Amino acid sequence: MRVTFVGHATVLIEGSKNILIDPFFNGNPAAAMKIEDLPKIDYIVVTHGHGDHIGDTIEIAKKHGSTVISNFEIGLYLEKKGIDKVHTMHIGGRFDFGDMKIKLTPALHGSSIIEDGEIIYGGNPAGVVIEMDHRTVYHAGDTGLTKDMELLANDYIDLAMVPIGGNYTMDIEDAFVATKMIQPQMVIPIHYNTWPLIKADPEKFCQKVSEIGIRCRVLKPGESVEL
């Protein structure tokens, strides 16, 4: 399994199936790839409705015939936009897709969709645990620190991706506490330095995490790690 950090919170997982999480390309100053560079995308996971996460879901799903996995409310919104293959879930739900298993986890954030200056209800934000190819990956989505993360240690996470940018999400200090609770084999920081408001030093985060014996990788946009 190869995990590529596209930029901001967008992640491409390539394995027996190709999964794109929170596909934000157009308008993303940190994106190292273009939509045209993507391989065939089998699944798209949308953690919440904000524009820097739901992003280019509609364009990519229509182009690739992808199945979009999201909460119920976002799923209804996407169906109205012409997405044929939508699988809706909610927090705590787990589903076996045959190729992989998906579980949505709690996230402390918002999820509204802004369209034509109007706010559309986007349901509950989420993180996601993906089990595929004998590996387990956790993408926290946008979230503050929550005690629920302690339960993720029971899932034996091979790779966790946690936001460190602060202001809208956890900062470095809280992301460090989250990592201690999750106990992944490896952690990658996400959701930082895209804009000045979420400026953070990923090397500082990795130094703190390494001191407690957890591997940490800072991936520049476009870089990958093999699991």
Protein backbone atom coordinates (compact mmCIF):
# COMPACT_ATOMS: atom_id res chain seq x y z
CA MET A 1 0.00 0.00 0.00
CA ARG A 2 1.27 3.45 -0.92
CA VAL A 3 0.02 6.59 0.83
CA THR A 4 0.63 9.93 -0.91
CA PHE A 5 0.15 13.29 0.78
CA VAL A 6 -1.31 15.45 -1.98
CA GLY A 7 -1.41 18.61 0.15
CA HIS A 8 -3.45 20.18 2.98
CA ALA A 9 -5.58 17.17 4.06
CA THR A 10 -5.91 15.43 0.70
CA VAL A 11 -4.50 11.90 0.72
CA LEU A 12 -4.29 9.25 -2.00
CA ILE A 13 -4.09 5.60 -0.91
CA GLU A 14 -3.07 3.15 -3.62
CA GLY A 15 -3.47 -0.57 -2.98
CA SER A 16 -5.83 -3.28 -4.14
CA LYS A 17 -8.19 -0.32 -4.59
CA ASN A 18 -7.37 3.37 -4.95
CA ILE A 19 -8.92 5.65 -2.33
CA LEU A 20 -8.90 9.45 -2.31
CA ILE A 21 -9.65 11.22 0.97
CA ASP A 22 -10.95 14.83 0.99
CA PRO A 23 -10.04 15.66 -2.62
CA PHE A 24 -9.10 19.36 -2.63
CA PHE A 25 -7.15 20.23 -5.80
CA ASN A 26 -8.56 23.33 -7.48
CA GLY A 27 -7.80 26.36 -5.34
CA ASN A 28 -5.46 24.40 -3.07
CA PRO A 29 -2.14 26.29 -2.91
CA ALA A 30 -0.44 23.25 -1.37
CA ALA A 31 -1.59 20.65 -3.92
CA ALA A 32 1.31 18.93 -5.65
CA MET A 33 -0.90 17.09 -8.14
CA LYS A 34 -3.64 17.95 -10.57
CA ILE A 35 -6.85 16.02 -11.05
CA GLU A 36 -5.46 14.88 -14.41
CA ASP A 37 -2.52 13.22 -12.61
CA LEU A 38 -4.69 10.86 -10.57
CA PRO A 39 -4.84 7.12 -11.21
CA LYS A 40 -8.24 5.44 -11.49
CA ILE A 41 -10.05 6.33 -8.25
CA ASP A 42 -12.30 3.57 -6.93
CA TYR A 43 -13.48 5.29 -3.75
CA ILE A 44 -13.63 8.86 -2.47
CA VAL A 45 -14.02 9.47 1.26
CA VAL A 46 -15.39 12.86 2.33
CA THR A 47 -14.90 13.55 6.04
CA HIS A 48 -17.03 16.73 6.11
CA GLY A 49 -18.63 19.38 3.95
CA HIS A 50 -16.18 22.28 4.11
CA GLY A 51 -14.86 23.40 0.75
CA ASP A 52 -11.27 22.39 1.44
CA HIS A 53 -12.42 18.79 2.03
CA ILE A 54 -15.44 18.06 -0.15
CA GLY A 55 -13.43 20.02 -2.73
CA ASP A 56 -13.46 18.44 -6.17
CA THR A 57 -15.41 15.33 -5.21
CA ILE A 58 -18.11 15.84 -7.81
CA GLU A 59 -15.73 16.32 -10.74
CA ILE A 60 -13.52 13.37 -9.80
CA ALA A 61 -16.39 11.01 -8.99
CA LYS A 62 -18.05 11.71 -12.34
CA LYS A 63 -14.78 11.30 -14.23
CA HIS A 64 -13.79 8.00 -12.57
CA GLY A 65 -17.16 6.53 -11.68
CA SER A 66 -15.98 6.47 -8.07
CA THR A 67 -18.07 5.40 -5.12
CA VAL A 68 -18.26 8.30 -2.67
CA ILE A 69 -18.36 7.44 1.04
CA SER A 70 -19.67 10.15 3.35
CA ASN A 71 -22.17 10.88 6.06
CA PHE A 72 -25.86 10.67 5.17
CA GLU A 73 -26.43 14.39 4.65
CA ILE A 74 -23.44 14.92 2.36
CA GLY A 75 -24.45 11.80 0.46
CA LEU A 76 -27.88 13.26 -0.24
CA TYR A 77 -26.28 16.50 -1.41
CA LEU A 78 -23.96 14.62 -3.80
CA GLU A 79 -26.81 12.54 -5.21
CA LYS A 80 -28.64 15.77 -6.07
CA LYS A 81 -25.47 16.84 -7.91
CA GLY A 82 -25.62 13.76 -10.12
CA ILE A 83 -23.28 11.37 -8.33
CA ASP A 84 -24.63 7.89 -9.03
CA LYS A 85 -22.57 5.82 -6.60
CA VAL A 86 -22.86 7.08 -3.03
CA HIS A 87 -22.52 5.02 0.13
CA THR A 88 -23.69 6.86 3.23
CA MET A 89 -22.59 6.08 6.78
CA HIS A 90 -22.54 7.71 10.19
CA ILE A 91 -20.28 7.96 13.23
CA GLY A 92 -19.37 4.57 14.66
CA GLY A 93 -20.69 2.73 11.62
CA ARG A 94 -18.48 0.13 9.96
CA PHE A 95 -19.05 -1.44 6.54
CA ASP A 96 -17.29 -4.21 4.63
CA PHE A 97 -16.95 -3.22 0.98
CA GLY A 98 -15.26 -6.50 0.13
CA ASP A 99 -12.04 -4.77 -0.93
CA MET A 100 -11.79 -2.92 2.37
CA LYS A 101 -13.56 -2.06 5.60
CA ILE A 102 -14.45 1.50 6.54
CA LYS A 103 -15.40 2.94 9.93
CA LEU A 104 -16.33 6.56 10.60
CA THR A 105 -15.03 8.00 13.85
CA PRO A 106 -15.98 11.11 15.83
CA ALA A 107 -14.50 14.48 14.91
CA LEU A 108 -15.00 17.78 16.71
CA HIS A 109 -15.56 20.30 13.93
CA GLY A 110 -18.24 21.67 11.57
CA SER A 111 -19.50 20.31 8.27
CA SER A 112 -21.53 22.97 6.47
CA ILE A 113 -21.50 23.23 2.68
CA ILE A 114 -21.45 26.76 1.26
CA GLU A 115 -23.21 27.15 -2.10
CA ASP A 116 -24.19 30.43 -3.75
CA GLY A 117 -23.65 32.20 -0.46
CA GLU A 118 -26.05 29.89 1.37
CA ILE A 119 -25.25 27.36 4.09
CA ILE A 120 -26.35 23.78 3.47
CA TYR A 121 -26.45 21.40 6.42
CA GLY A 122 -23.61 18.89 6.08
CA GLY A 123 -24.28 16.50 8.95
CA ASN A 124 -21.64 15.44 11.45
CA PRO A 125 -17.93 15.69 10.64
CA ALA A 126 -15.94 12.48 10.89
CA GLY A 127 -12.59 10.82 10.82
CA VAL A 128 -12.16 7.53 8.97
CA VAL A 129 -10.45 4.20 9.68
CA ILE A 130 -9.64 2.19 6.54
CA GLU A 131 -8.66 -1.48 6.65
CA MET A 132 -7.18 -2.72 3.38
CA ASP A 133 -4.36 -5.01 2.26
CA HIS A 134 -3.68 -6.08 5.87
CA ARG A 135 -3.03 -2.49 6.88
CA THR A 136 -5.11 -0.05 8.94
CA VAL A 137 -5.00 3.68 8.21
CA TYR A 138 -6.66 6.45 10.21
CA HIS A 139 -7.35 9.90 8.75
CA ALA A 140 -8.60 12.20 11.49
CA GLY A 141 -10.27 14.72 9.19
CA ASP A 142 -10.57 18.15 10.78
CA THR A 143 -10.91 17.78 14.53
CA GLY A 144 -9.99 19.02 17.93
CA LEU A 145 -8.57 16.70 20.54
CA THR A 146 -11.12 14.22 21.81
CA LYS A 147 -10.92 11.47 24.41
CA ASP A 148 -12.57 9.14 21.87
CA MET A 149 -9.20 8.88 20.12
CA GLU A 150 -8.01 6.68 22.96
CA LEU A 151 -10.30 3.92 21.65
CA LEU A 152 -8.43 3.87 18.33
CA ALA A 153 -5.53 2.08 20.01
CA ASN A 154 -7.76 -1.01 19.88
CA ASP A 155 -7.72 -0.84 16.07
CA TYR A 156 -3.92 -1.28 15.85
CA ILE A 157 -3.38 1.64 13.50
CA ASP A 158 -0.45 1.26 11.09
CA LEU A 159 -0.61 4.89 9.96
CA ALA A 160 -2.40 7.87 11.49
CA MET A 161 -2.78 11.24 9.78
CA VAL A 162 -3.58 14.05 12.21
CA PRO A 163 -4.01 17.82 11.75
CA ILE A 164 -1.50 20.08 13.50
CA GLY A 165 -2.33 23.55 12.14
CA GLY A 166 -4.35 24.85 15.11
CA ASN A 167 -7.09 27.51 14.95
CA TYR A 168 -9.62 25.26 13.17
CA THR A 169 -8.17 21.94 14.36
CA MET A 170 -5.71 20.48 16.83
CA ASP A 171 -2.38 22.22 17.14
CA ILE A 172 0.98 20.50 17.66
CA GLU A 173 0.51 20.07 21.42
CA ASP A 174 -2.94 18.51 21.12
CA ALA A 175 -1.94 16.42 18.11
CA PHE A 176 0.91 15.02 20.21
CA VAL A 177 -1.56 14.01 22.94
CA ALA A 178 -3.83 12.48 20.29
CA THR A 179 -0.94 10.45 18.89
CA LYS A 180 -0.09 9.14 22.34
CA MET A 181 -3.69 7.96 22.71
CA ILE A 182 -3.94 6.41 19.23
CA GLN A 183 -0.56 4.61 19.47
CA PRO A 184 -0.07 4.19 15.70
CA GLN A 185 3.00 2.56 14.19
CA MET A 186 3.57 5.77 12.22
CA VAL A 187 2.04 9.25 12.15
CA ILE A 188 2.00 11.91 9.44
CA PRO A 189 1.00 15.54 10.17
CA ILE A 190 -1.58 17.13 7.86
CA HIS A 191 -3.68 20.32 7.61
CA TYR A 192 -0.94 22.89 8.21
CA ASN A 193 0.84 25.73 6.35
CA THR A 194 -1.73 25.86 3.55
CA TRP A 195 -2.52 29.40 4.69
CA PRO A 196 -0.85 31.66 7.31
CA LEU A 197 -3.69 31.07 9.78
CA ILE A 198 -2.71 27.41 10.17
CA LYS A 199 1.06 27.83 10.14
CA ALA A 200 2.86 25.11 12.11
CA ASP A 201 6.25 23.39 12.23
CA PRO A 202 5.81 19.69 11.35
CA GLU A 203 9.40 18.90 12.35
CA LYS A 204 8.65 20.10 15.88
CA PHE A 205 5.66 17.76 15.99
CA CYS A 206 7.73 14.83 14.71
CA GLN A 207 10.47 15.48 17.25
CA LYS A 208 7.95 15.30 20.11
CA VAL A 209 6.36 12.13 18.74
CA SER A 210 9.71 10.43 18.14
CA GLU A 211 10.61 10.93 21.80
CA ILE A 212 7.80 8.54 22.78
CA GLY A 213 8.91 5.89 20.30
CA ILE A 214 6.39 6.48 17.50
CA ARG A 215 7.70 6.90 13.98
CA CYS A 216 6.80 10.20 12.35
CA ARG A 217 7.20 11.27 8.74
CA VAL A 218 6.88 14.77 7.37
CA LEU A 219 5.71 14.36 3.79
CA LYS A 220 5.98 17.27 1.43
CA PRO A 221 3.04 17.56 -0.97
CA GLY A 222 3.47 14.84 -3.56
CA GLU A 223 5.64 12.59 -1.39
CA SER A 224 4.63 9.05 -0.47
CA VAL A 225 5.24 6.38 2.13
CA GLU A 226 4.97 2.61 1.63
CA LEU A 227 3.18 0.52 4.24
